[in-house]
Every structure is written in structure tokens, then in C-alpha cells.
N, C-alpha and C. Protein backbone atom coordinates (compact mmCIF):
# COMPACT_ATOMS: atom_id res chain seq x y z
N MET A 1 0.83 -1.19 0.00
CA MET A 1 0.00 0.00 0.00
C MET A 1 0.87 1.26 0.00
N GLU A 2 2.00 1.21 0.69
CA GLU A 2 2.89 2.37 0.70
C GLU A 2 3.39 2.69 -0.71
N ASP A 3 3.67 1.63 -1.49
CA ASP A 3 4.14 1.85 -2.85
C ASP A 3 3.09 2.56 -3.70
N VAL A 4 1.83 2.18 -3.54
CA VAL A 4 0.75 2.82 -4.29
C VAL A 4 0.61 4.27 -3.86
N ALA A 5 0.69 4.53 -2.58
CA ALA A 5 0.59 5.90 -2.08
C ALA A 5 1.74 6.75 -2.59
N LEU A 6 2.95 6.19 -2.58
CA LEU A 6 4.12 6.91 -3.07
C LEU A 6 3.99 7.19 -4.57
N LEU A 7 3.55 6.19 -5.31
CA LEU A 7 3.37 6.36 -6.75
C LEU A 7 2.31 7.42 -7.04
N ALA A 8 1.20 7.38 -6.33
CA ALA A 8 0.15 8.38 -6.53
C ALA A 8 0.66 9.79 -6.21
N SER A 9 1.42 9.91 -5.15
CA SER A 9 1.98 11.21 -4.77
C SER A 9 2.96 11.71 -5.81
N LEU A 10 3.82 10.82 -6.28
CA LEU A 10 4.79 11.18 -7.31
C LEU A 10 4.09 11.63 -8.58
N LEU A 11 3.13 10.86 -9.04
CA LEU A 11 2.42 11.20 -10.27
C LEU A 11 1.61 12.48 -10.13
N THR A 12 1.08 12.73 -8.96
CA THR A 12 0.35 13.98 -8.72
C THR A 12 1.28 15.17 -8.88
N ARG A 13 2.47 15.07 -8.33
CA ARG A 13 3.43 16.17 -8.44
C ARG A 13 3.93 16.36 -9.87
N ILE A 14 4.15 15.25 -10.57
CA ILE A 14 4.55 15.34 -11.97
C ILE A 14 3.43 16.00 -12.78
N ASN A 15 2.19 15.63 -12.51
CA ASN A 15 1.05 16.22 -13.19
C ASN A 15 0.96 17.72 -12.89
N GLU A 16 1.17 18.11 -11.65
CA GLU A 16 1.15 19.53 -11.29
C GLU A 16 2.25 20.29 -12.04
N ASN A 17 3.43 19.67 -12.15
CA ASN A 17 4.53 20.29 -12.90
C ASN A 17 4.15 20.46 -14.36
N GLN A 18 3.52 19.43 -14.93
CA GLN A 18 3.10 19.48 -16.33
C GLN A 18 2.11 20.61 -16.55
N LEU A 19 1.16 20.75 -15.65
CA LEU A 19 0.17 21.82 -15.77
C LEU A 19 0.82 23.20 -15.64
N ALA A 20 1.76 23.32 -14.72
CA ALA A 20 2.46 24.60 -14.55
C ALA A 20 3.29 24.95 -15.78
N LEU A 21 3.98 23.97 -16.34
CA LEU A 21 4.76 24.22 -17.55
C LEU A 21 3.85 24.59 -18.71
N GLY A 22 2.72 23.92 -18.83
CA GLY A 22 1.77 24.25 -19.88
C GLY A 22 1.26 25.67 -19.76
N ALA A 23 0.95 26.09 -18.54
CA ALA A 23 0.48 27.46 -18.33
C ALA A 23 1.57 28.47 -18.66
N ALA A 24 2.80 28.18 -18.29
CA ALA A 24 3.90 29.09 -18.58
C ALA A 24 4.15 29.20 -20.08
N VAL A 25 4.09 28.08 -20.78
CA VAL A 25 4.29 28.10 -22.23
C VAL A 25 3.14 28.83 -22.92
N GLU A 26 1.93 28.68 -22.42
CA GLU A 26 0.80 29.41 -22.98
C GLU A 26 1.00 30.92 -22.81
N GLU A 27 1.51 31.34 -21.67
CA GLU A 27 1.80 32.76 -21.45
C GLU A 27 2.84 33.26 -22.47
N LEU A 28 3.83 32.44 -22.73
CA LEU A 28 4.83 32.81 -23.73
C LEU A 28 4.21 32.89 -25.12
N ALA A 29 3.29 32.00 -25.43
CA ALA A 29 2.60 32.03 -26.72
C ALA A 29 1.82 33.33 -26.87
N VAL A 30 1.17 33.76 -25.81
CA VAL A 30 0.43 35.03 -25.84
C VAL A 30 1.39 36.18 -26.09
N TRP A 31 2.51 36.18 -25.39
CA TRP A 31 3.51 37.23 -25.52
C TRP A 31 4.05 37.28 -26.96
N VAL A 32 4.35 36.11 -27.52
CA VAL A 32 4.85 36.02 -28.90
C VAL A 32 3.80 36.53 -29.88
N GLU A 33 2.56 36.12 -29.66
CA GLU A 33 1.47 36.53 -30.54
C GLU A 33 1.27 38.05 -30.54
N GLN A 34 1.38 38.64 -29.36
CA GLN A 34 1.22 40.10 -29.24
C GLN A 34 2.31 40.86 -29.99
N ARG A 35 3.40 40.18 -30.26
CA ARG A 35 4.51 40.80 -30.98
C ARG A 35 4.50 40.44 -32.46
N GLY A 36 3.40 39.86 -32.92
CA GLY A 36 3.22 39.65 -34.35
C GLY A 36 3.53 38.27 -34.89
N SER A 37 3.98 37.37 -34.06
CA SER A 37 4.31 36.02 -34.53
C SER A 37 3.15 35.07 -34.30
N THR A 38 2.08 35.32 -35.01
CA THR A 38 0.87 34.52 -34.85
C THR A 38 1.11 33.05 -35.20
N GLU A 39 1.88 32.82 -36.25
CA GLU A 39 2.14 31.44 -36.68
C GLU A 39 2.88 30.65 -35.59
N VAL A 40 3.87 31.27 -34.99
CA VAL A 40 4.62 30.61 -33.91
C VAL A 40 3.70 30.33 -32.73
N ALA A 41 2.89 31.31 -32.36
CA ALA A 41 1.96 31.13 -31.24
C ALA A 41 0.98 29.99 -31.52
N ASN A 42 0.50 29.91 -32.75
CA ASN A 42 -0.42 28.82 -33.11
C ASN A 42 0.27 27.46 -33.06
N ASN A 43 1.53 27.41 -33.47
CA ASN A 43 2.29 26.16 -33.39
C ASN A 43 2.48 25.73 -31.94
N VAL A 44 2.76 26.68 -31.07
CA VAL A 44 2.93 26.39 -29.65
C VAL A 44 1.62 25.85 -29.07
N ARG A 45 0.51 26.50 -29.40
CA ARG A 45 -0.78 26.06 -28.89
C ARG A 45 -1.15 24.67 -29.41
N ALA A 46 -0.79 24.39 -30.65
CA ALA A 46 -1.05 23.05 -31.20
C ALA A 46 -0.27 21.99 -30.41
N ALA A 47 0.96 22.31 -30.06
CA ALA A 47 1.76 21.37 -29.26
C ALA A 47 1.18 21.21 -27.86
N LEU A 48 0.63 22.29 -27.31
CA LEU A 48 0.04 22.23 -25.97
C LEU A 48 -1.24 21.40 -25.93
N GLU A 49 -1.86 21.18 -27.08
CA GLU A 49 -3.07 20.37 -27.10
C GLU A 49 -2.82 18.95 -26.59
N THR A 50 -1.61 18.45 -26.77
CA THR A 50 -1.27 17.13 -26.25
C THR A 50 -1.40 17.10 -24.73
N LEU A 51 -0.96 18.17 -24.08
CA LEU A 51 -1.11 18.24 -22.62
C LEU A 51 -2.59 18.19 -22.23
N ASP A 52 -3.40 18.96 -22.95
CA ASP A 52 -4.83 18.99 -22.66
C ASP A 52 -5.48 17.63 -22.90
N GLN A 53 -5.10 16.98 -23.98
CA GLN A 53 -5.69 15.69 -24.31
C GLN A 53 -5.35 14.63 -23.26
N ASN A 54 -4.17 14.71 -22.69
CA ASN A 54 -3.74 13.72 -21.70
C ASN A 54 -4.19 14.04 -20.28
N ALA A 55 -4.60 15.26 -20.03
CA ALA A 55 -4.96 15.68 -18.67
C ALA A 55 -6.10 14.86 -18.09
N GLY A 56 -7.10 14.58 -18.89
CA GLY A 56 -8.24 13.79 -18.39
C GLY A 56 -7.84 12.40 -17.98
N PHE A 57 -7.05 11.73 -18.81
CA PHE A 57 -6.59 10.37 -18.48
C PHE A 57 -5.74 10.37 -17.22
N ILE A 58 -4.86 11.35 -17.12
CA ILE A 58 -3.99 11.43 -15.94
C ILE A 58 -4.82 11.60 -14.68
N SER A 59 -5.82 12.45 -14.73
CA SER A 59 -6.69 12.66 -13.57
C SER A 59 -7.41 11.38 -13.16
N ILE A 60 -7.95 10.68 -14.14
CA ILE A 60 -8.65 9.42 -13.85
C ILE A 60 -7.70 8.39 -13.26
N ALA A 61 -6.50 8.29 -13.82
CA ALA A 61 -5.52 7.33 -13.32
C ALA A 61 -5.12 7.66 -11.88
N LEU A 62 -4.94 8.94 -11.58
CA LEU A 62 -4.57 9.33 -10.22
C LEU A 62 -5.70 9.03 -9.24
N ILE A 63 -6.92 9.29 -9.63
CA ILE A 63 -8.07 8.97 -8.77
C ILE A 63 -8.11 7.48 -8.50
N SER A 64 -7.88 6.68 -9.53
CA SER A 64 -7.89 5.23 -9.38
C SER A 64 -6.79 4.76 -8.44
N LEU A 65 -5.59 5.31 -8.61
CA LEU A 65 -4.48 4.92 -7.73
C LEU A 65 -4.75 5.31 -6.29
N LYS A 66 -5.29 6.51 -6.10
CA LYS A 66 -5.58 6.95 -4.74
C LYS A 66 -6.66 6.09 -4.10
N ALA A 67 -7.64 5.68 -4.88
CA ALA A 67 -8.70 4.82 -4.34
C ALA A 67 -8.14 3.44 -4.00
N GLU A 68 -7.24 2.94 -4.84
CA GLU A 68 -6.65 1.64 -4.59
C GLU A 68 -5.80 1.66 -3.33
N GLY A 69 -5.15 2.80 -3.09
CA GLY A 69 -4.30 2.93 -1.91
C GLY A 69 -5.06 3.40 -0.69
N ASN A 70 -6.39 3.60 -0.85
CA ASN A 70 -7.25 4.08 0.24
C ASN A 70 -6.70 5.35 0.87
N LEU A 71 -6.34 6.29 0.02
CA LEU A 71 -5.76 7.55 0.53
C LEU A 71 -6.83 8.54 0.86
């Protein structure tokens, strides 16, 4: 059970880091776009869609791990 709790905690922190990095990169995309590089900003946002697409699965997996570990 300790291993499941540790894994859930680790993955939660990694997920939080991923969300923070995504938000920071989105801010940079806005900054770039405001300076006229719309194409670059759109490319950045397209890459960020992968983070958004995976966020739901990650959340469900973390909930499942936490339930399994009775946290």
C-alpha cells in the first residue's frame, strides 16, 4: 500500500509540474502573438493540445491509484 501511495503522490506532483509548464508556455505564446508572430503562437498552442488531451486520463488514473491505496 505504501508503494501505491508513493506512486500516486509522485504522479500527482509530476502532473502539477506538467500543468504549470503548460500554463507558462501558454503565457509565452500570448507574448509572442502580441509581438506579431501569430504562426509561432499557433504552433505552440497546437503542441500544448497534447497536454490537454492527456490531462483527463492522468486525472482518472490518479483517482484510481488513490482509491486503490485508500488515501
